[in-house]
């Protein structure tokens, strides 16, 4: 399955320090190795390296993401 703009996803993400986090995001733009998304956990727009997304799955609805 391809990640597309407006998809709402649950991801397991590893930051540059190796710390893991579970997040719900709404994809705004997927470009190359970067994913620009609204992060419901941080309540703001974030950039994610695709290589650091260890797992992802679609969320059924935006209401489930918040």
C-alpha atoms as a PDB file:
ATOM      1  CA  UNK A   1       0.000   0.000   0.000  1.00  0.00           C
ATOM      2  CA  UNK A   2       1.299   3.420  -0.951  1.00  0.00           C
ATOM      3  CA  UNK A   3       1.262   6.391   1.439  1.00  0.00           C
ATOM      4  CA  UNK A   4      -0.684   9.314  -0.034  1.00  0.00           C
ATOM      5  CA  UNK A   5      -1.568  12.848   0.981  1.00  0.00           C
ATOM      6  CA  UNK A   6      -4.490  13.006   3.447  1.00  0.00           C
ATOM      7  CA  UNK A   7      -3.926   9.430   4.672  1.00  0.00           C
ATOM      8  CA  UNK A   8      -4.249   9.118   8.450  1.00  0.00           C
ATOM      9  CA  UNK A   9      -1.696   6.655   9.787  1.00  0.00           C
ATOM     10  CA  UNK A  10      -0.483   5.152  13.014  1.00  0.00           C
ATOM     11  CA  UNK A  11       3.311   4.894  12.876  1.00  0.00           C
ATOM     12  CA  UNK A  12       6.171   3.584  14.973  1.00  0.00           C
ATOM     13  CA  UNK A  13       8.981   6.086  14.479  1.00  0.00           C
ATOM     14  CA  UNK A  14      12.637   6.125  15.482  1.00  0.00           C
ATOM     15  CA  UNK A  15      14.113   9.607  15.952  1.00  0.00           C
ATOM     16  CA  UNK A  16      17.738  10.558  15.224  1.00  0.00           C
ATOM     17  CA  UNK A  17      18.732   9.547  18.770  1.00  0.00           C
ATOM     18  CA  UNK A  18      17.207   6.089  18.420  1.00  0.00           C
ATOM     19  CA  UNK A  19      14.194   6.804  20.660  1.00  0.00           C
ATOM     20  CA  UNK A  20      10.977   5.090  19.561  1.00  0.00           C
ATOM     21  CA  UNK A  21       7.529   6.657  19.574  1.00  0.00           C
ATOM     22  CA  UNK A  22       4.053   5.696  18.444  1.00  0.00           C
ATOM     23  CA  UNK A  23       2.200   8.478  16.651  1.00  0.00           C
ATOM     24  CA  UNK A  24      -0.955   9.211  14.706  1.00  0.00           C
ATOM     25  CA  UNK A  25      -0.323  11.465  11.726  1.00  0.00           C
ATOM     26  CA  UNK A  26      -2.190  12.955   8.761  1.00  0.00           C
ATOM     27  CA  UNK A  27       0.010  12.948   5.676  1.00  0.00           C
ATOM     28  CA  UNK A  28       0.279  16.339   3.985  1.00  0.00           C
ATOM     29  CA  UNK A  29       2.982  15.572   1.423  1.00  0.00           C
ATOM     30  CA  UNK A  30       5.192  12.626   0.543  1.00  0.00           C
ATOM     31  CA  UNK A  31       8.310  13.654  -1.338  1.00  0.00           C
ATOM     32  CA  UNK A  32      11.310  11.395  -1.793  1.00  0.00           C
ATOM     33  CA  UNK A  33      12.592  10.241   1.597  1.00  0.00           C
ATOM     34  CA  UNK A  34      10.588  12.846   3.544  1.00  0.00           C
ATOM     35  CA  UNK A  35       7.037  12.744   4.786  1.00  0.00           C
ATOM     36  CA  UNK A  36       5.432  16.036   5.837  1.00  0.00           C
ATOM     37  CA  UNK A  37       2.545  15.372   8.194  1.00  0.00           C
ATOM     38  CA  UNK A  38       0.387  16.793  10.941  1.00  0.00           C
ATOM     39  CA  UNK A  39       1.267  14.938  14.161  1.00  0.00           C
ATOM     40  CA  UNK A  40      -1.711  14.581  16.499  1.00  0.00           C
ATOM     41  CA  UNK A  41       0.607  13.837  19.435  1.00  0.00           C
ATOM     42  CA  UNK A  42       2.690  17.008  19.036  1.00  0.00           C
ATOM     43  CA  UNK A  43      -0.246  19.013  17.637  1.00  0.00           C
ATOM     44  CA  UNK A  44       1.787  20.399  14.772  1.00  0.00           C
ATOM     45  CA  UNK A  45       3.380  19.789  11.413  1.00  0.00           C
ATOM     46  CA  UNK A  46       6.446  17.557  11.462  1.00  0.00           C
ATOM     47  CA  UNK A  47       8.871  16.075   8.945  1.00  0.00           C
ATOM     48  CA  UNK A  48       9.517  12.337   9.142  1.00  0.00           C
ATOM     49  CA  UNK A  49      12.280  10.413   7.397  1.00  0.00           C
ATOM     50  CA  UNK A  50      10.610   7.501   5.622  1.00  0.00           C
ATOM     51  CA  UNK A  51      13.594   5.279   6.495  1.00  0.00           C
ATOM     52  CA  UNK A  52      12.871   5.863  10.215  1.00  0.00           C
ATOM     53  CA  UNK A  53       9.237   4.760  10.034  1.00  0.00           C
ATOM     54  CA  UNK A  54       9.565   1.219  11.340  1.00  0.00           C
ATOM     55  CA  UNK A  55       5.895   0.264  10.984  1.00  0.00           C
ATOM     56  CA  UNK A  56       2.678   1.903   9.836  1.00  0.00           C
ATOM     57  CA  UNK A  57      -0.967   1.112   9.354  1.00  0.00           C
ATOM     58  CA  UNK A  58      -3.969   3.132   8.238  1.00  0.00           C
ATOM     59  CA  UNK A  59      -6.273   4.549  10.908  1.00  0.00           C
ATOM     60  CA  UNK A  60      -9.950   3.970  10.190  1.00  0.00           C
ATOM     61  CA  UNK A  61     -10.997   7.595  10.694  1.00  0.00           C
ATOM     62  CA  UNK A  62      -9.484  10.935  11.665  1.00  0.00           C
ATOM     63  CA  UNK A  63     -11.509  10.818  14.896  1.00  0.00           C
ATOM     64  CA  UNK A  64      -9.583   7.657  15.875  1.00  0.00           C
ATOM     65  CA  UNK A  65      -6.291   9.533  15.402  1.00  0.00           C
ATOM     66  CA  UNK A  66      -6.773  12.243  18.009  1.00  0.00           C
END
